[in-house]
Amino acid sequence: MEFPSLVYKDGGQHQRKGGTFDYQQVENEQEHAAALKGGWFPSVEEAVAGKLNEASKGVSKGATKKAAEEALAQAKALEEAAAKALEEASNGESKE
């Protein structure tokens, strides 16, 4: 790796590639390693992706459970509607 180099962190005054970020210059491998340990990233993409990963971790289990319950209720309603339509279609065929 060549120095000086830049490291990036989510949040800041610069906007690019789906988020805002800040950057700082590092002068050598030791500074680079320390920055990475301190929450900085080697690229803008990784800094913004780090934010997205953290956001996905923040979804509560309650919210996930609620979404699953809603999906299950919708699936049951569709199943009931399909069974009713099939029954109606079968009754119509037997009358002919």
N, C-alpha and C. Protein backbone atom coordinates (compact mmCIF):
# COMPACT_ATOMS: atom_id res chain seq x y z
N MET A 1 0.84 -1.17 0.00
CA MET A 1 0.00 0.00 0.00
C MET A 1 0.89 1.24 0.00
N GLU A 2 0.45 2.21 -0.75
CA GLU A 2 1.21 3.46 -0.82
C GLU A 2 0.67 4.47 0.19
N PHE A 3 1.58 5.24 0.75
CA PHE A 3 1.21 6.28 1.71
C PHE A 3 1.75 7.61 1.23
N PRO A 4 1.08 8.71 1.52
CA PRO A 4 -0.14 8.79 2.32
C PRO A 4 -1.32 8.16 1.60
N SER A 5 -2.31 7.75 2.40
CA SER A 5 -3.51 7.12 1.88
C SER A 5 -4.71 7.68 2.64
N LEU A 6 -5.91 7.36 2.18
CA LEU A 6 -7.12 7.83 2.84
C LEU A 6 -7.89 6.66 3.43
N VAL A 7 -8.58 6.92 4.54
CA VAL A 7 -9.54 5.99 5.12
C VAL A 7 -10.86 6.74 5.25
N TYR A 8 -11.95 6.00 5.32
CA TYR A 8 -13.29 6.60 5.25
C TYR A 8 -14.16 6.11 6.41
N LYS A 9 -15.10 6.95 6.79
CA LYS A 9 -16.03 6.62 7.88
C LYS A 9 -17.42 7.11 7.50
N ASP A 10 -18.42 6.32 7.85
CA ASP A 10 -19.80 6.70 7.57
C ASP A 10 -20.16 7.96 8.34
N GLY A 11 -20.94 8.80 7.68
CA GLY A 11 -21.40 10.05 8.28
C GLY A 11 -20.38 11.15 8.08
N GLY A 12 -20.81 12.25 7.60
CA GLY A 12 -19.88 13.36 7.37
C GLY A 12 -20.45 14.33 6.36
N GLN A 13 -19.63 15.26 5.97
CA GLN A 13 -20.10 16.31 5.07
C GLN A 13 -20.03 15.95 3.60
N HIS A 14 -19.43 14.85 3.27
CA HIS A 14 -19.28 14.44 1.86
C HIS A 14 -20.35 13.43 1.52
N GLN A 15 -20.92 13.54 0.32
CA GLN A 15 -21.99 12.64 -0.09
C GLN A 15 -21.60 11.95 -1.39
N ARG A 16 -21.73 10.63 -1.37
CA ARG A 16 -21.40 9.84 -2.56
C ARG A 16 -21.79 8.39 -2.32
N LYS A 17 -22.19 7.71 -3.37
CA LYS A 17 -22.43 6.28 -3.36
C LYS A 17 -23.40 5.82 -2.28
N GLY A 18 -24.50 6.50 -2.16
CA GLY A 18 -25.56 6.05 -1.27
C GLY A 18 -25.47 6.49 0.18
N GLY A 19 -24.61 7.41 0.49
CA GLY A 19 -24.55 7.86 1.87
C GLY A 19 -23.60 9.03 2.04
N THR A 20 -23.46 9.45 3.27
CA THR A 20 -22.51 10.52 3.57
C THR A 20 -21.31 9.90 4.26
N PHE A 21 -20.18 10.56 4.11
CA PHE A 21 -18.96 10.00 4.69
C PHE A 21 -17.98 11.11 5.03
N ASP A 22 -17.00 10.73 5.83
CA ASP A 22 -15.88 11.59 6.14
C ASP A 22 -14.63 10.82 5.76
N TYR A 23 -13.52 11.51 5.62
CA TYR A 23 -12.27 10.82 5.33
C TYR A 23 -11.14 11.47 6.11
N GLN A 24 -10.08 10.70 6.26
CA GLN A 24 -8.88 11.22 6.92
C GLN A 24 -7.67 10.60 6.25
N GLN A 25 -6.61 11.33 6.24
CA GLN A 25 -5.37 10.86 5.64
C GLN A 25 -4.54 10.14 6.68
N VAL A 26 -3.94 9.02 6.29
CA VAL A 26 -3.00 8.30 7.14
C VAL A 26 -1.65 8.27 6.45
N GLU A 27 -0.62 8.36 7.23
CA GLU A 27 0.73 8.52 6.68
C GLU A 27 1.54 7.23 6.58
N ASN A 28 1.14 6.19 7.32
CA ASN A 28 1.93 4.95 7.32
C ASN A 28 1.04 3.76 7.72
N GLU A 29 1.62 2.58 7.69
CA GLU A 29 0.88 1.36 7.98
C GLU A 29 0.32 1.35 9.41
N GLN A 30 1.06 1.87 10.35
CA GLN A 30 0.60 1.90 11.74
C GLN A 30 -0.65 2.79 11.89
N GLU A 31 -0.61 3.96 11.28
CA GLU A 31 -1.78 4.85 11.32
C GLU A 31 -2.97 4.21 10.61
N HIS A 32 -2.69 3.54 9.51
CA HIS A 32 -3.75 2.87 8.75
C HIS A 32 -4.41 1.79 9.61
N ALA A 33 -3.61 0.96 10.23
CA ALA A 33 -4.13 -0.12 11.07
C ALA A 33 -4.93 0.44 12.25
N ALA A 34 -4.42 1.49 12.87
CA ALA A 34 -5.12 2.11 14.00
C ALA A 34 -6.46 2.69 13.56
N ALA A 35 -6.48 3.32 12.39
CA ALA A 35 -7.73 3.90 11.88
C ALA A 35 -8.76 2.81 11.62
N LEU A 36 -8.33 1.70 11.02
CA LEU A 36 -9.26 0.60 10.74
C LEU A 36 -9.82 0.03 12.04
N LYS A 37 -8.98 -0.10 13.05
CA LYS A 37 -9.45 -0.58 14.35
C LYS A 37 -10.40 0.41 14.99
N GLY A 38 -10.26 1.69 14.66
CA GLY A 38 -11.10 2.74 15.21
C GLY A 38 -12.40 2.96 14.46
N GLY A 39 -12.73 2.08 13.52
CA GLY A 39 -14.01 2.20 12.82
C GLY A 39 -13.95 2.83 11.45
N TRP A 40 -12.76 3.13 10.96
CA TRP A 40 -12.61 3.67 9.61
C TRP A 40 -12.51 2.52 8.63
N PHE A 41 -12.75 2.81 7.35
CA PHE A 41 -12.74 1.78 6.32
C PHE A 41 -11.78 2.17 5.19
N PRO A 42 -11.26 1.17 4.47
CA PRO A 42 -10.32 1.48 3.38
C PRO A 42 -10.97 2.05 2.13
N SER A 43 -12.31 2.01 2.02
CA SER A 43 -12.98 2.57 0.84
C SER A 43 -14.31 3.20 1.22
N VAL A 44 -14.79 4.10 0.36
CA VAL A 44 -16.09 4.74 0.58
C VAL A 44 -17.19 3.67 0.59
N GLU A 45 -17.11 2.74 -0.36
CA GLU A 45 -18.13 1.70 -0.46
C GLU A 45 -18.25 0.91 0.83
N GLU A 46 -17.11 0.55 1.41
CA GLU A 46 -17.14 -0.22 2.65
C GLU A 46 -17.67 0.61 3.81
N ALA A 47 -17.36 1.89 3.83
CA ALA A 47 -17.86 2.76 4.90
C ALA A 47 -19.38 2.86 4.85
N VAL A 48 -19.93 3.07 3.66
CA VAL A 48 -21.38 3.18 3.50
C VAL A 48 -22.02 1.81 3.75
N ALA A 49 -21.42 0.74 3.26
CA ALA A 49 -21.96 -0.61 3.50
C ALA A 49 -21.94 -0.93 4.98
N GLY A 50 -20.94 -0.48 5.71
CA GLY A 50 -20.89 -0.69 7.15
C GLY A 50 -22.09 -0.08 7.83
N LYS A 51 -22.51 1.08 7.37
CA LYS A 51 -23.70 1.75 7.90
C LYS A 51 -24.93 0.91 7.61
N LEU A 52 -25.04 0.41 6.39
CA LEU A 52 -26.20 -0.39 6.02
C LEU A 52 -26.26 -1.68 6.82
N ASN A 53 -25.11 -2.30 7.05
CA ASN A 53 -25.07 -3.53 7.84
C ASN A 53 -25.51 -3.26 9.27
N GLU A 54 -25.05 -2.16 9.85
CA GLU A 54 -25.45 -1.80 11.20
C GLU A 54 -26.94 -1.52 11.27
N ALA A 55 -27.48 -0.88 10.25
CA ALA A 55 -28.91 -0.58 10.24
C ALA A 55 -29.73 -1.86 10.19
N SER A 56 -29.27 -2.84 9.43
CA SER A 56 -30.02 -4.09 9.34
C SER A 56 -29.97 -4.85 10.66
N LYS A 57 -28.90 -4.69 11.43
CA LYS A 57 -28.82 -5.33 12.75
C LYS A 57 -29.81 -4.68 13.71
N GLY A 58 -30.16 -3.43 13.46
CA GLY A 58 -31.02 -2.70 14.36
C GLY A 58 -32.50 -3.04 14.23
N VAL A 59 -32.87 -3.86 13.26
CA VAL A 59 -34.27 -4.23 13.11
C VAL A 59 -34.65 -5.11 14.30
N SER A 60 -35.67 -4.72 15.01
CA SER A 60 -36.04 -5.46 16.22
C SER A 60 -36.70 -6.78 15.86
N LYS A 61 -36.55 -7.73 16.76
CA LYS A 61 -37.18 -9.03 16.54
C LYS A 61 -38.69 -8.87 16.52
N GLY A 62 -39.20 -7.92 17.29
CA GLY A 62 -40.64 -7.68 17.31
C GLY A 62 -41.15 -7.24 15.96
N ALA A 63 -40.40 -6.37 15.29
CA ALA A 63 -40.79 -5.91 13.96
C ALA A 63 -40.75 -7.06 12.97
N THR A 64 -39.75 -7.90 13.08
CA THR A 64 -39.62 -9.05 12.19
C THR A 64 -40.75 -10.03 12.44
N LYS A 65 -41.07 -10.26 13.70
CA LYS A 65 -42.15 -11.18 14.05
C LYS A 65 -43.48 -10.65 13.54
N LYS A 66 -43.70 -9.35 13.68
CA LYS A 66 -44.95 -8.75 13.21
C LYS A 66 -45.08 -8.92 11.70
N ALA A 67 -44.00 -8.68 10.96
CA ALA A 67 -44.03 -8.84 9.51
C ALA A 67 -44.34 -10.29 9.13
N ALA A 68 -43.75 -11.23 9.85
CA ALA A 68 -44.00 -12.65 9.58
C ALA A 68 -45.45 -13.00 9.85
N GLU A 69 -46.01 -12.47 10.94
CA GLU A 69 -47.41 -12.74 11.28
C GLU A 69 -48.34 -12.17 10.21
N GLU A 70 -48.03 -10.97 9.72
CA GLU A 70 -48.84 -10.35 8.67
C GLU A 70 -48.77 -11.16 7.38
N ALA A 71 -47.59 -11.64 7.04
CA ALA A 71 -47.43 -12.46 5.84
C ALA A 71 -48.21 -13.77 5.97
N LEU A 72 -48.15 -14.36 7.15
CA LEU A 72 -48.89 -15.61 7.38
C LEU A 72 -50.40 -15.38 7.26
N ALA A 73 -50.88 -14.27 7.80
CA ALA A 73 -52.31 -13.96 7.71
C ALA A 73 -52.71 -13.77 6.25
N GLN A 74 -51.88 -13.09 5.47
CA GLN A 74 -52.17 -12.90 4.05
C GLN A 74 -52.18 -14.23 3.31
N ALA A 75 -51.24 -15.11 3.65
CA ALA A 75 -51.17 -16.42 3.00
C ALA A 75 -52.42 -17.24 3.32
N LYS A 76 -52.88 -17.18 4.57
CA LYS A 76 -54.09 -17.92 4.95
C LYS A 76 -55.30 -17.38 4.20
N ALA A 77 -55.40 -16.06 4.08
CA ALA A 77 -56.52 -15.45 3.36
C ALA A 77 -56.51 -15.88 1.89
N LEU A 78 -55.34 -15.90 1.29
CA LEU A 78 -55.22 -16.34 -0.11
C LEU A 78 -55.60 -17.81 -0.25
N GLU A 79 -55.17 -18.62 0.70
CA GLU A 79 -55.49 -20.05 0.66
C GLU A 79 -57.00 -20.26 0.76
N GLU A 80 -57.64 -19.52 1.66
CA GLU A 80 -59.09 -19.63 1.81
C GLU A 80 -59.80 -19.17 0.54
N ALA A 81 -59.35 -18.08 -0.06
CA ALA A 81 -59.96 -17.58 -1.29
C ALA A 81 -59.77 -18.58 -2.43
N ALA A 82 -58.60 -19.20 -2.51
CA ALA A 82 -58.34 -20.18 -3.56
C ALA A 82 -59.21 -21.41 -3.37
N ALA A 83 -59.38 -21.86 -2.12
CA ALA A 83 -60.22 -23.03 -1.85
C ALA A 83 -61.67 -22.73 -2.22
N LYS A 84 -62.14 -21.54 -1.90
CA LYS A 84 -63.51 -21.15 -2.23
C LYS A 84 -63.71 -21.10 -3.74
N ALA A 85 -62.75 -20.51 -4.46
CA ALA A 85 -62.84 -20.43 -5.92
C ALA A 85 -62.82 -21.82 -6.54
N LEU A 86 -62.00 -22.71 -6.00
CA LEU A 86 -61.93 -24.07 -6.52
C LEU A 86 -63.25 -24.80 -6.28
N GLU A 87 -63.82 -24.61 -5.09
CA GLU A 87 -65.10 -25.23 -4.77
C GLU A 87 -66.19 -24.72 -5.69
N GLU A 88 -66.22 -23.41 -5.90
CA GLU A 88 -67.22 -22.82 -6.78
C GLU A 88 -67.07 -23.33 -8.21
N ALA A 89 -65.82 -23.45 -8.65
CA ALA A 89 -65.58 -23.95 -10.00
C ALA A 89 -66.00 -25.41 -10.11
N SER A 90 -65.75 -26.19 -9.08
CA SER A 90 -66.14 -27.60 -9.10
C SER A 90 -67.66 -27.74 -9.10
N ASN A 91 -68.34 -26.92 -8.31
CA ASN A 91 -69.80 -26.96 -8.28
C ASN A 91 -70.39 -26.56 -9.63
N GLY A 92 -69.79 -25.60 -10.30
CA GLY A 92 -70.26 -25.17 -11.60
C GLY A 92 -70.09 -26.26 -12.64
N GLU A 93 -69.01 -27.02 -12.56
CA GLU A 93 -68.76 -28.11 -13.51
C GLU A 93 -69.72 -29.25 -13.29
N SER A 94 -70.06 -29.55 -12.03
CA SER A 94 -70.93 -30.70 -11.77
C SER A 94 -72.36 -30.43 -12.18
N LYS A 95 -72.77 -29.15 -12.25
CA LYS A 95 -74.12 -28.81 -12.68
C LYS A 95 -74.31 -28.97 -14.19
N GLU A 96 -73.20 -28.93 -14.92
CA GLU A 96 -73.31 -29.01 -16.38
C GLU A 96 -73.46 -30.39 -16.88
